[in-house]
Amino acid sequence: MSKGIIAKKLLYALITILIVLIFNYLLFRVLPGDPLAMMMRNPRATPDQIEAVRRLYGLDQAWYVQFFTYFKHLLEGNLGISFVYKAPVTKVVASKILPTILMVGLAEIIAILVGILIGVVAAWKRGTKLDVWTLGFSLVTYSVPTFWLGMILVVLFCVQLRLFPTSGMLTPGKNFISTAAMIGDLARHLVLPVLTMSLVLIGEYALTMRNTLIDVLSEDYIITARAKGFRERYILLKHALPNAMLPMITIIAINIGFVVAGAIQVETIFSWPGLGRLMYEALGARDYPLLQGVFLLVTISVVLANVLADISYAYIDPRVKH
């Protein structure tokens, strides 16, 4: 892929980010509710005190003045001060990134490996009982609501069997005698959130891989390869699978882009201290700067993931180089 095409894709990505930033700013301003009402819950607060807080956060200015001020600060690397945490948005968001990447990233890796494997097996054994069972499993897991699956797992493995903790990242108040003990406790807290997310993603990846691979296996070049006497395994790995990976790369890139956004439902159910739960709390508190900061991070991640997916197409399929 030429440098000119890559530069054009990066330009389009930048334009997309700017458009989303404008939409991002306006979206939270049309939501019902007053952020000051969430911050100033003291019934004894005087009108002068409320007005002082309004001036402190720039809420006394016109919306277009706030808009240009927001972009000016954005270019300076300043995302503002969180209404709830009373701290810079960059610090609040940075403290939540690692737990989210750990949980959602691990779920993505498991889902990609297992989903692709299930999809390949189902397509290769199309029409058999194995295909029926894997297809049924994929449809069920893909259709199940994430919050419902999470609650079922909590009831089964936490309440009934008492095998795993119900919430959090580490056991509160527990003193760990070693790093291994802390990692073990962290792993126990990770099992159910990762399992919940993985099951849903596995269904999506398996269905996409199966349907795409079935289409590829009916192509003329596959028939020609079989006529030449190539082994079935060789045809699958060298001819069919690389061509079937293009749609998978698109879906995986989009989902990986959303890794930094976390999973609002999963993180809320399991009280996981990541960006998804942070976004949920910020939305309830009308914390505009924090919401804008999280959405900005998500936007950049998704757009860049899609650009990398476009560039990687040229290395997988030479037909799309130009």
C-alpha atoms as a PDB file:
ATOM      1  CA  MET A   1       0.000   0.000   0.000  1.00  0.00           C
ATOM      2  CA  SER A   2       1.447   3.366  -1.076  1.00  0.00           C
ATOM      3  CA  LYS A   3       2.264   6.192   1.310  1.00  0.00           C
ATOM      4  CA  GLY A   4      -0.314   8.400  -0.435  1.00  0.00           C
ATOM      5  CA  ILE A   5      -3.143   5.974   0.314  1.00  0.00           C
ATOM      6  CA  ILE A   6      -2.034   5.643   3.936  1.00  0.00           C
ATOM      7  CA  ALA A   7      -1.859   9.440   4.275  1.00  0.00           C
ATOM      8  CA  LYS A   8      -5.365   9.744   2.803  1.00  0.00           C
ATOM      9  CA  LYS A   9      -6.721   7.189   5.263  1.00  0.00           C
ATOM     10  CA  LEU A  10      -5.106   9.048   8.155  1.00  0.00           C
ATOM     11  CA  LEU A  11      -6.645  12.315   6.916  1.00  0.00           C
ATOM     12  CA  TYR A  12     -10.089  10.714   6.773  1.00  0.00           C
ATOM     13  CA  ALA A  13      -9.533   9.338  10.275  1.00  0.00           C
ATOM     14  CA  LEU A  14      -8.679  12.824  11.558  1.00  0.00           C
ATOM     15  CA  ILE A  15     -11.818  14.297   9.955  1.00  0.00           C
ATOM     16  CA  THR A  16     -13.903  11.528  11.511  1.00  0.00           C
ATOM     17  CA  ILE A  17     -12.466  12.251  14.942  1.00  0.00           C
ATOM     18  CA  LEU A  18     -13.230  15.985  14.583  1.00  0.00           C
ATOM     19  CA  ILE A  19     -16.836  15.297  13.563  1.00  0.00           C
ATOM     20  CA  VAL A  20     -17.291  12.908  16.477  1.00  0.00           C
ATOM     21  CA  LEU A  21     -15.800  15.480  18.854  1.00  0.00           C
ATOM     22  CA  ILE A  22     -18.405  18.048  17.797  1.00  0.00           C
ATOM     23  CA  PHE A  23     -21.201  15.512  18.156  1.00  0.00           C
ATOM     24  CA  ASN A  24     -19.697  14.377  21.448  1.00  0.00           C
ATOM     25  CA  TYR A  25     -19.755  17.907  22.834  1.00  0.00           C
ATOM     26  CA  LEU A  26     -23.330  18.660  21.759  1.00  0.00           C
ATOM     27  CA  LEU A  27     -24.761  15.303  22.792  1.00  0.00           C
ATOM     28  CA  PHE A  28     -24.217  15.710  26.511  1.00  0.00           C
ATOM     29  CA  ARG A  29     -25.555  19.280  26.471  1.00  0.00           C
ATOM     30  CA  VAL A  30     -28.980  18.134  25.301  1.00  0.00           C
ATOM     31  CA  LEU A  31     -29.328  15.484  27.994  1.00  0.00           C
ATOM     32  CA  PRO A  32     -31.934  16.269  30.677  1.00  0.00           C
ATOM     33  CA  GLY A  33     -30.687  17.223  34.118  1.00  0.00           C
ATOM     34  CA  ASP A  34     -28.409  19.872  35.573  1.00  0.00           C
ATOM     35  CA  PRO A  35     -24.855  18.921  36.581  1.00  0.00           C
ATOM     36  CA  LEU A  36     -24.938  21.561  39.316  1.00  0.00           C
ATOM     37  CA  ALA A  37     -27.910  19.809  40.891  1.00  0.00           C
ATOM     38  CA  MET A  38     -25.786  16.669  41.129  1.00  0.00           C
ATOM     39  CA  MET A  39     -22.795  18.520  42.617  1.00  0.00           C
ATOM     40  CA  MET A  40     -24.573  20.924  44.968  1.00  0.00           C
ATOM     41  CA  ARG A  41     -26.665  18.533  47.026  1.00  0.00           C
ATOM     42  CA  ASN A  42     -26.299  20.623  50.162  1.00  0.00           C
ATOM     43  CA  PRO A  43     -29.724  22.179  50.817  1.00  0.00           C
ATOM     44  CA  ARG A  44     -28.010  25.005  52.712  1.00  0.00           C
ATOM     45  CA  ALA A  45     -26.036  26.142  49.669  1.00  0.00           C
ATOM     46  CA  THR A  46     -26.742  29.812  48.965  1.00  0.00           C
ATOM     47  CA  PRO A  47     -27.394  31.188  45.458  1.00  0.00           C
ATOM     48  CA  ASP A  48     -23.990  32.924  45.600  1.00  0.00           C
ATOM     49  CA  GLN A  49     -22.238  29.630  46.329  1.00  0.00           C
ATOM     50  CA  ILE A  50     -24.072  27.876  43.490  1.00  0.00           C
ATOM     51  CA  GLU A  51     -23.170  30.701  41.109  1.00  0.00           C
ATOM     52  CA  ALA A  52     -19.524  30.519  42.193  1.00  0.00           C
ATOM     53  CA  VAL A  53     -19.408  26.811  41.360  1.00  0.00           C
ATOM     54  CA  ARG A  54     -21.092  27.539  38.015  1.00  0.00           C
ATOM     55  CA  ARG A  55     -18.379  30.097  37.185  1.00  0.00           C
ATOM     56  CA  LEU A  56     -15.636  27.741  38.391  1.00  0.00           C
ATOM     57  CA  TYR A  57     -16.584  25.122  35.790  1.00  0.00           C
ATOM     58  CA  GLY A  58     -17.461  27.652  33.096  1.00  0.00           C
ATOM     59  CA  LEU A  59     -21.145  26.678  33.074  1.00  0.00           C
ATOM     60  CA  ASP A  60     -22.188  30.335  33.245  1.00  0.00           C
ATOM     61  CA  GLN A  61     -20.912  30.950  29.697  1.00  0.00           C
ATOM     62  CA  ALA A  62     -22.869  30.518  26.480  1.00  0.00           C
ATOM     63  CA  TRP A  63     -22.706  27.061  24.897  1.00  0.00           C
ATOM     64  CA  TYR A  64     -20.656  28.252  21.925  1.00  0.00           C
ATOM     65  CA  VAL A  65     -18.133  29.919  24.252  1.00  0.00           C
ATOM     66  CA  GLN A  66     -17.838  26.660  26.186  1.00  0.00           C
ATOM     67  CA  PHE A  67     -17.427  24.854  22.866  1.00  0.00           C
ATOM     68  CA  PHE A  68     -14.413  26.900  21.732  1.00  0.00           C
ATOM     69  CA  THR A  69     -12.947  26.815  25.243  1.00  0.00           C
ATOM     70  CA  TYR A  70     -13.240  23.027  25.215  1.00  0.00           C
ATOM     71  CA  PHE A  71     -11.384  22.734  21.895  1.00  0.00           C
ATOM     72  CA  LYS A  72      -8.720  25.189  23.025  1.00  0.00           C
ATOM     73  CA  HIS A  73      -8.059  23.152  26.156  1.00  0.00           C
ATOM     74  CA  LEU A  74      -8.153  19.955  24.112  1.00  0.00           C
ATOM     75  CA  LEU A  75      -5.318  21.170  21.890  1.00  0.00           C
ATOM     76  CA  GLU A  76      -3.358  21.922  25.057  1.00  0.00           C
ATOM     77  CA  GLY A  77      -3.904  18.361  26.321  1.00  0.00           C
ATOM     78  CA  ASN A  78      -6.290  19.543  29.017  1.00  0.00           C
ATOM     79  CA  LEU A  79      -9.531  17.544  29.197  1.00  0.00           C
ATOM     80  CA  GLY A  80     -10.914  19.593  32.066  1.00  0.00           C
ATOM     81  CA  ILE A  81     -11.804  18.867  35.675  1.00  0.00           C
ATOM     82  CA  SER A  82     -14.236  16.132  36.633  1.00  0.00           C
ATOM     83  CA  PHE A  83     -17.355  17.439  38.353  1.00  0.00           C
ATOM     84  CA  VAL A  84     -17.581  14.376  40.606  1.00  0.00           C
ATOM     85  CA  TYR A  85     -13.947  13.481  41.328  1.00  0.00           C
ATOM     86  CA  LYS A  86     -12.747  17.108  41.483  1.00  0.00           C
ATOM     87  CA  ALA A  87      -9.588  15.986  39.678  1.00  0.00           C
ATOM     88  CA  PRO A  88      -8.184  16.295  36.133  1.00  0.00           C
ATOM     89  CA  VAL A  89     -10.044  14.040  33.713  1.00  0.00           C
ATOM     90  CA  THR A  90      -6.753  12.667  32.356  1.00  0.00           C
ATOM     91  CA  LYS A  91      -5.791  11.334  35.788  1.00  0.00           C
ATOM     92  CA  VAL A  92      -9.231   9.845  36.458  1.00  0.00           C
ATOM     93  CA  VAL A  93      -9.345   8.111  33.069  1.00  0.00           C
ATOM     94  CA  ALA A  94      -5.727   6.910  33.318  1.00  0.00           C
ATOM     95  CA  SER A  95      -6.452   5.208  36.644  1.00  0.00           C
ATOM     96  CA  LYS A  96      -9.210   3.118  35.026  1.00  0.00           C
ATOM     97  CA  ILE A  97      -7.521   2.086  31.775  1.00  0.00           C
ATOM     98  CA  LEU A  98      -5.415  -0.807  33.097  1.00  0.00           C
ATOM     99  CA  PRO A  99      -8.303  -2.736  34.760  1.00  0.00           C
ATOM    100  CA  THR A 100     -10.361  -2.394  31.587  1.00  0.00           C
ATOM    101  CA  ILE A 101      -7.577  -3.512  29.242  1.00  0.00           C
ATOM    102  CA  LEU A 102      -6.836  -6.443  31.551  1.00  0.00           C
ATOM    103  CA  MET A 103     -10.421  -7.705  31.696  1.00  0.00           C
ATOM    104  CA  VAL A 104     -11.738  -6.837  28.237  1.00  0.00           C
ATOM    105  CA  GLY A 105      -8.439  -7.541  26.489  1.00  0.00           C
ATOM    106  CA  LEU A 106      -8.233 -11.029  27.992  1.00  0.00           C
ATOM    107  CA  ALA A 107     -11.840 -11.702  26.994  1.00  0.00           C
ATOM    108  CA  GLU A 108     -11.091 -10.554  23.434  1.00  0.00           C
ATOM    109  CA  ILE A 109      -8.052 -12.828  23.078  1.00  0.00           C
ATOM    110  CA  ILE A 110      -9.998 -15.869  24.288  1.00  0.00           C
ATOM    111  CA  ALA A 111     -12.984 -15.025  22.099  1.00  0.00           C
ATOM    112  CA  ILE A 112     -10.867 -14.535  18.963  1.00  0.00           C
ATOM    113  CA  LEU A 113      -9.020 -17.835  19.338  1.00  0.00           C
ATOM    114  CA  VAL A 114     -12.048 -19.934  20.316  1.00  0.00           C
ATOM    115  CA  GLY A 115     -14.477 -18.171  17.957  1.00  0.00           C
ATOM    116  CA  ILE A 116     -12.282 -18.597  14.884  1.00  0.00           C
ATOM    117  CA  LEU A 117     -11.631 -22.250  15.765  1.00  0.00           C
ATOM    118  CA  ILE A 118     -15.361 -22.976  16.169  1.00  0.00           C
ATOM    119  CA  GLY A 119     -16.182 -21.149  12.943  1.00  0.00           C
ATOM    120  CA  VAL A 120     -13.540 -23.029  10.939  1.00  0.00           C
ATOM    121  CA  VAL A 121     -14.651 -26.420  12.279  1.00  0.00           C
ATOM    122  CA  ALA A 122     -18.331 -25.648  11.623  1.00  0.00           C
ATOM    123  CA  ALA A 123     -17.661 -24.538   8.045  1.00  0.00           C
ATOM    124  CA  TRP A 124     -15.340 -27.477   7.303  1.00  0.00           C
ATOM    125  CA  LYS A 125     -17.897 -29.961   8.713  1.00  0.00           C
ATOM    126  CA  ARG A 126     -20.891 -28.190   7.197  1.00  0.00           C
ATOM    127  CA  GLY A 127     -24.127 -30.183   7.396  1.00  0.00           C
ATOM    128  CA  THR A 128     -22.896 -32.601  10.070  1.00  0.00           C
ATOM    129  CA  LYS A 129     -24.092 -32.890  13.659  1.00  0.00           C
ATOM    130  CA  LEU A 130     -20.945 -31.067  14.765  1.00  0.00           C
ATOM    131  CA  ASP A 131     -21.910 -28.115  12.576  1.00  0.00           C
ATOM    132  CA  VAL A 132     -25.433 -28.092  13.992  1.00  0.00           C
ATOM    133  CA  TRP A 133     -24.202 -28.116  17.591  1.00  0.00           C
ATOM    134  CA  THR A 134     -21.561 -25.428  17.073  1.00  0.00           C
ATOM    135  CA  LEU A 135     -24.005 -23.277  15.112  1.00  0.00           C
ATOM    136  CA  GLY A 136     -26.616 -23.613  17.851  1.00  0.00           C
ATOM    137  CA  PHE A 137     -24.063 -22.727  20.539  1.00  0.00           C
ATOM    138  CA  SER A 138     -22.913 -19.676  18.579  1.00  0.00           C
ATOM    139  CA  LEU A 139     -26.441 -18.419  17.962  1.00  0.00           C
ATOM    140  CA  VAL A 140     -27.402 -18.798  21.621  1.00  0.00           C
ATOM    141  CA  THR A 141     -24.308 -17.072  23.019  1.00  0.00           C
ATOM    142  CA  TYR A 142     -24.503 -14.292  20.442  1.00  0.00           C
ATOM    143  CA  SER A 143     -28.187 -13.642  21.210  1.00  0.00           C
ATOM    144  CA  VAL A 144     -28.029 -13.786  25.000  1.00  0.00           C
ATOM    145  CA  PRO A 145     -28.105 -10.307  26.625  1.00  0.00           C
ATOM    146  CA  THR A 146     -24.812  -9.608  28.348  1.00  0.00           C
ATOM    147  CA  PHE A 147     -26.371  -8.317  31.570  1.00  0.00           C
ATOM    148  CA  TRP A 148     -28.653 -11.379  31.833  1.00  0.00           C
ATOM    149  CA  LEU A 149     -25.771 -13.802  31.290  1.00  0.00           C
ATOM    150  CA  GLY A 150     -23.690 -11.966  33.888  1.00  0.00           C
ATOM    151  CA  MET A 151     -26.464 -12.140  36.499  1.00  0.00           C
ATOM    152  CA  ILE A 152     -27.036 -15.852  35.826  1.00  0.00           C
ATOM    153  CA  LEU A 153     -23.323 -16.558  36.330  1.00  0.00           C
ATOM    154  CA  VAL A 154     -23.328 -14.547  39.567  1.00  0.00           C
ATOM    155  CA  VAL A 155     -26.310 -16.477  40.935  1.00  0.00           C
ATOM    156  CA  LEU A 156     -24.884 -19.847  39.894  1.00  0.00           C
ATOM    157  CA  PHE A 157     -21.171 -19.535  40.707  1.00  0.00           C
ATOM    158  CA  CYS A 158     -21.205 -16.897  43.453  1.00  0.00           C
ATOM    159  CA  VAL A 159     -24.466 -17.332  45.362  1.00  0.00           C
ATOM    160  CA  GLN A 160     -25.166 -21.036  44.899  1.00  0.00           C
ATOM    161  CA  LEU A 161     -21.733 -22.652  44.513  1.00  0.00           C
ATOM    162  CA  ARG A 162     -19.691 -19.886  46.210  1.00  0.00           C
ATOM    163  CA  LEU A 163     -16.741 -20.499  43.912  1.00  0.00           C
ATOM    164  CA  PHE A 164     -15.952 -16.926  42.890  1.00  0.00           C
ATOM    165  CA  PRO A 165     -16.345 -13.437  44.392  1.00  0.00           C
ATOM    166  CA  THR A 166     -19.302 -11.371  43.271  1.00  0.00           C
ATOM    167  CA  SER A 167     -17.611  -8.039  42.623  1.00  0.00           C
ATOM    168  CA  GLY A 168     -14.493  -5.929  42.610  1.00  0.00           C
ATOM    169  CA  MET A 169     -10.970  -6.472  41.363  1.00  0.00           C
ATOM    170  CA  LEU A 170      -9.364  -7.559  44.642  1.00  0.00           C
ATOM    171  CA  THR A 171     -10.778  -8.673  47.990  1.00  0.00           C
ATOM    172  CA  PRO A 172     -11.282  -5.493  50.095  1.00  0.00           C
ATOM    173  CA  GLY A 173      -9.134  -5.262  53.219  1.00  0.00           C
ATOM    174  CA  LYS A 174      -7.163  -8.425  52.490  1.00  0.00           C
ATOM    175  CA  ASN A 175      -3.432  -8.380  53.163  1.00  0.00           C
ATOM    176  CA  PHE A 176      -1.525 -10.447  50.624  1.00  0.00           C
ATOM    177  CA  ILE A 177       1.551 -12.295  51.861  1.00  0.00           C
ATOM    178  CA  SER A 178       3.070 -12.429  48.374  1.00  0.00           C
ATOM    179  CA  THR A 179       2.646 -11.237  44.805  1.00  0.00           C
ATOM    180  CA  ALA A 180       1.498 -14.714  43.807  1.00  0.00           C
ATOM    181  CA  ALA A 181      -1.315 -14.552  46.361  1.00  0.00           C
ATOM    182  CA  MET A 182      -2.448 -11.194  44.989  1.00  0.00           C
ATOM    183  CA  ILE A 183      -2.364 -12.503  41.407  1.00  0.00           C
ATOM    184  CA  GLY A 184      -4.399 -15.527  42.487  1.00  0.00           C
ATOM    185  CA  ASP A 185      -7.024 -13.313  44.089  1.00  0.00           C
ATOM    186  CA  LEU A 186      -7.107 -11.128  40.992  1.00  0.00           C
ATOM    187  CA  ALA A 187      -7.562 -14.214  38.791  1.00  0.00           C
ATOM    188  CA  ARG A 188     -10.559 -15.352  40.869  1.00  0.00           C
ATOM    189  CA  HIS A 189     -12.181 -11.939  40.390  1.00  0.00           C
ATOM    190  CA  LEU A 190     -11.421 -12.042  36.650  1.00  0.00           C
ATOM    191  CA  VAL A 191     -13.028 -15.400  35.859  1.00  0.00           C
ATOM    192  CA  LEU A 192     -16.706 -14.442  35.697  1.00  0.00           C
ATOM    193  CA  PRO A 193     -16.367 -11.035  33.953  1.00  0.00           C
ATOM    194  CA  VAL A 194     -14.037 -12.539  31.342  1.00  0.00           C
ATOM    195  CA  LEU A 195     -16.305 -15.566  30.879  1.00  0.00           C
ATOM    196  CA  THR A 196     -19.370 -13.368  30.423  1.00  0.00           C
ATOM    197  CA  MET A 197     -17.754 -11.212  27.768  1.00  0.00           C
ATOM    198  CA  SER A 198     -15.993 -14.060  26.019  1.00  0.00           C
ATOM    199  CA  LEU A 199     -19.143 -16.111  25.528  1.00  0.00           C
ATOM    200  CA  VAL A 200     -20.942 -13.276  23.768  1.00  0.00           C
ATOM    201  CA  LEU A 201     -17.962 -12.453  21.545  1.00  0.00           C
ATOM    202  CA  ILE A 202     -17.284 -16.109  20.734  1.00  0.00           C
ATOM    203  CA  GLY A 203     -20.726 -16.415  19.180  1.00  0.00           C
ATOM    204  CA  GLU A 204     -20.166 -13.339  17.015  1.00  0.00           C
ATOM    205  CA  TYR A 205     -16.750 -14.458  15.779  1.00  0.00           C
ATOM    206  CA  ALA A 206     -17.815 -18.062  15.196  1.00  0.00           C
ATOM    207  CA  LEU A 207     -20.861 -17.100  13.114  1.00  0.00           C
ATOM    208  CA  THR A 208     -18.886 -14.621  11.020  1.00  0.00           C
ATOM    209  CA  MET A 209     -16.040 -17.067  10.428  1.00  0.00           C
ATOM    210  CA  ARG A 210     -18.369 -19.929   9.526  1.00  0.00           C
ATOM    211  CA  ASN A 211     -20.443 -17.964   7.019  1.00  0.00           C
ATOM    212  CA  THR A 212     -17.422 -16.345   5.371  1.00  0.00           C
ATOM    213  CA  LEU A 213     -15.474 -19.588   5.113  1.00  0.00           C
ATOM    214  CA  ILE A 214     -18.448 -21.399   3.572  1.00  0.00           C
ATOM    215  CA  ASP A 215     -18.572 -18.767   0.827  1.00  0.00           C
ATOM    216  CA  VAL A 216     -14.816 -19.041   0.227  1.00  0.00           C
ATOM    217  CA  LEU A 217     -14.915 -22.846   0.044  1.00  0.00           C
ATOM    218  CA  SER A 218     -17.352 -22.624  -2.867  1.00  0.00           C
ATOM    219  CA  GLU A 219     -15.008 -20.451  -4.966  1.00  0.00           C
ATOM    220  CA  ASP A 220     -13.493 -21.745  -8.217  1.00  0.00           C
ATOM    221  CA  TYR A 221      -9.895 -21.580  -7.008  1.00  0.00           C
ATOM    222  CA  ILE A 222     -10.743 -23.953  -4.143  1.00  0.00           C
ATOM    223  CA  ILE A 223     -12.235 -26.414  -6.634  1.00  0.00           C
ATOM    224  CA  THR A 224      -9.116 -26.046  -8.784  1.00  0.00           C
ATOM    225  CA  ALA A 225      -6.846 -26.707  -5.805  1.00  0.00           C
ATOM    226  CA  ARG A 226      -8.786 -29.877  -5.025  1.00  0.00           C
ATOM    227  CA  ALA A 227      -8.579 -30.952  -8.669  1.00  0.00           C
ATOM    228  CA  LYS A 228      -4.785 -30.574  -8.497  1.00  0.00           C
ATOM    229  CA  GLY A 229      -4.712 -33.077  -5.672  1.00  0.00           C
ATOM    230  CA  PHE A 230      -3.752 -30.794  -2.778  1.00  0.00           C
ATOM    231  CA  ARG A 231      -4.536 -32.067   0.686  1.00  0.00           C
ATOM    232  CA  GLU A 232      -7.698 -30.736   2.310  1.00  0.00           C
ATOM    233  CA  ARG A 233      -5.753 -29.349   5.264  1.00  0.00           C
ATOM    234  CA  TYR A 234      -3.389 -27.515   2.925  1.00  0.00           C
ATOM    235  CA  ILE A 235      -6.324 -26.034   0.981  1.00  0.00           C
ATOM    236  CA  LEU A 236      -7.968 -24.873   4.198  1.00  0.00           C
ATOM    237  CA  LEU A 237      -4.883 -23.258   5.729  1.00  0.00           C
ATOM    238  CA  LYS A 238      -3.201 -21.838   2.609  1.00  0.00           C
ATOM    239  CA  HIS A 239      -6.103 -20.915   0.335  1.00  0.00           C
ATOM    240  CA  ALA A 240      -9.433 -20.681   2.161  1.00  0.00           C
ATOM    241  CA  LEU A 241      -8.567 -19.332   5.605  1.00  0.00           C
ATOM    242  CA  PRO A 242      -6.497 -16.268   4.534  1.00  0.00           C
ATOM    243  CA  ASN A 243      -9.287 -15.084   2.217  1.00  0.00           C
ATOM    244  CA  ALA A 244     -11.931 -15.656   4.873  1.00  0.00           C
ATOM    245  CA  MET A 245     -10.024 -13.530   7.397  1.00  0.00           C
ATOM    246  CA  LEU A 246     -10.807 -10.140   5.797  1.00  0.00           C
ATOM    247  CA  PRO A 247     -14.297  -9.729   7.336  1.00  0.00           C
ATOM    248  CA  MET A 248     -12.955 -11.127  10.604  1.00  0.00           C
ATOM    249  CA  ILE A 249     -10.226  -8.485  10.716  1.00  0.00           C
ATOM    250  CA  THR A 250     -12.845  -5.748  10.383  1.00  0.00           C
ATOM    251  CA  ILE A 251     -14.949  -7.086  13.258  1.00  0.00           C
ATOM    252  CA  ILE A 252     -11.942  -7.781  15.451  1.00  0.00           C
ATOM    253  CA  ALA A 253     -10.536  -4.291  14.809  1.00  0.00           C
ATOM    254  CA  ILE A 254     -13.807  -2.637  15.803  1.00  0.00           C
ATOM    255  CA  ASN A 255     -14.100  -4.729  18.960  1.00  0.00           C
ATOM    256  CA  ILE A 256     -10.470  -4.164  19.913  1.00  0.00           C
ATOM    257  CA  GLY A 257     -11.051  -0.447  19.465  1.00  0.00           C
ATOM    258  CA  PHE A 258     -13.821  -0.711  22.021  1.00  0.00           C
ATOM    259  CA  VAL A 259     -11.545  -2.515  24.478  1.00  0.00           C
ATOM    260  CA  VAL A 260     -10.612   0.801  26.086  1.00  0.00           C
ATOM    261  CA  ALA A 261     -14.291   1.653  26.464  1.00  0.00           C
ATOM    262  CA  GLY A 262     -14.760  -1.395  28.591  1.00  0.00           C
ATOM    263  CA  ALA A 263     -18.061  -3.171  28.858  1.00  0.00           C
ATOM    264  CA  ILE A 264     -20.556  -1.007  30.706  1.00  0.00           C
ATOM    265  CA  GLN A 265     -22.930  -3.854  31.493  1.00  0.00           C
ATOM    266  CA  VAL A 266     -20.283  -6.364  32.556  1.00  0.00           C
ATOM    267  CA  GLU A 267     -18.284  -3.872  34.615  1.00  0.00           C
ATOM    268  CA  THR A 268     -21.444  -2.599  36.310  1.00  0.00           C
ATOM    269  CA  ILE A 269     -22.728  -6.074  37.198  1.00  0.00           C
ATOM    270  CA  PHE A 270     -19.384  -7.192  38.628  1.00  0.00           C
ATOM    271  CA  SER A 271     -18.409  -3.746  40.000  1.00  0.00           C
ATOM    272  CA  TRP A 272     -15.213  -3.904  37.979  1.00  0.00           C
ATOM    273  CA  PRO A 273     -13.268  -0.622  38.413  1.00  0.00           C
ATOM    274  CA  GLY A 274     -12.774   0.092  34.717  1.00  0.00           C
ATOM    275  CA  LEU A 275     -13.744   2.658  32.110  1.00  0.00           C
ATOM    276  CA  GLY A 276     -17.127   1.069  31.457  1.00  0.00           C
ATOM    277  CA  ARG A 277     -18.270   1.525  35.044  1.00  0.00           C
ATOM    278  CA  LEU A 278     -16.676   4.985  35.114  1.00  0.00           C
ATOM    279  CA  MET A 279     -18.722   5.960  32.059  1.00  0.00           C
ATOM    280  CA  TYR A 280     -21.894   4.647  33.705  1.00  0.00           C
ATOM    281  CA  GLU A 281     -21.273   6.662  36.877  1.00  0.00           C
ATOM    282  CA  ALA A 282     -20.319   9.796  34.940  1.00  0.00           C
ATOM    283  CA  LEU A 283     -23.498   9.583  32.886  1.00  0.00           C
ATOM    284  CA  GLY A 284     -25.648   9.345  36.005  1.00  0.00           C
ATOM    285  CA  ALA A 285     -23.856  12.350  37.542  1.00  0.00           C
ATOM    286  CA  ARG A 286     -23.936  14.443  34.303  1.00  0.00           C
ATOM    287  CA  ASP A 287     -20.153  14.737  34.561  1.00  0.00           C
ATOM    288  CA  TYR A 288     -19.648  16.369  31.130  1.00  0.00           C
ATOM    289  CA  PRO A 289     -15.829  16.677  31.176  1.00  0.00           C
ATOM    290  CA  LEU A 290     -15.387  13.056  32.251  1.00  0.00           C
ATOM    291  CA  LEU A 291     -17.861  11.758  29.663  1.00  0.00           C
ATOM    292  CA  GLN A 292     -16.190  13.777  26.920  1.00  0.00           C
ATOM    293  CA  GLY A 293     -12.770  12.473  27.953  1.00  0.00           C
ATOM    294  CA  VAL A 294     -13.866   8.823  27.889  1.00  0.00           C
ATOM    295  CA  PHE A 295     -15.686   9.244  24.575  1.00  0.00           C
ATOM    296  CA  LEU A 296     -12.638  10.938  23.069  1.00  0.00           C
ATOM    297  CA  LEU A 297     -10.456   8.002  24.078  1.00  0.00           C
ATOM    298  CA  VAL A 298     -12.979   5.533  22.646  1.00  0.00           C
ATOM    299  CA  THR A 299     -13.285   7.478  19.382  1.00  0.00           C
ATOM    300  CA  ILE A 300      -9.537   7.636  18.789  1.00  0.00           C
ATOM    301  CA  SER A 301      -9.135   3.951  19.634  1.00  0.00           C
ATOM    302  CA  VAL A 302     -11.902   2.777  17.276  1.00  0.00           C
ATOM    303  CA  VAL A 303     -10.809   5.006  14.386  1.00  0.00           C
ATOM    304  CA  LEU A 304      -7.146   4.007  14.685  1.00  0.00           C
ATOM    305  CA  ALA A 305      -8.097   0.330  14.957  1.00  0.00           C
ATOM    306  CA  ASN A 306     -10.044   0.619  11.702  1.00  0.00           C
ATOM    307  CA  VAL A 307      -7.140   2.385   9.963  1.00  0.00           C
ATOM    308  CA  LEU A 308      -4.776  -0.393  11.050  1.00  0.00           C
ATOM    309  CA  ALA A 309      -7.299  -2.956   9.779  1.00  0.00           C
ATOM    310  CA  ASP A 310      -7.420  -1.238   6.369  1.00  0.00           C
ATOM    311  CA  ILE A 311      -3.637  -1.227   6.146  1.00  0.00           C
ATOM    312  CA  SER A 312      -3.373  -4.867   7.195  1.00  0.00           C
ATOM    313  CA  TYR A 313      -5.728  -5.891   4.350  1.00  0.00           C
ATOM    314  CA  ALA A 314      -2.937  -5.253   1.848  1.00  0.00           C
ATOM    315  CA  TYR A 315      -0.661  -7.763   3.571  1.00  0.00           C
ATOM    316  CA  ILE A 316      -3.344 -10.455   3.767  1.00  0.00           C
ATOM    317  CA  ASP A 317      -4.935  -9.934   0.343  1.00  0.00           C
ATOM    318  CA  PRO A 318      -2.706  -8.313  -2.329  1.00  0.00           C
ATOM    319  CA  ARG A 319      -5.830  -7.515  -4.402  1.00  0.00           C
ATOM    320  CA  VAL A 320      -6.713  -4.608  -2.119  1.00  0.00           C
ATOM    321  CA  LYS A 321      -3.295  -2.922  -2.179  1.00  0.00           C
ATOM    322  CA  HIS A 322      -4.474  -0.227  -4.579  1.00  0.00           C
END
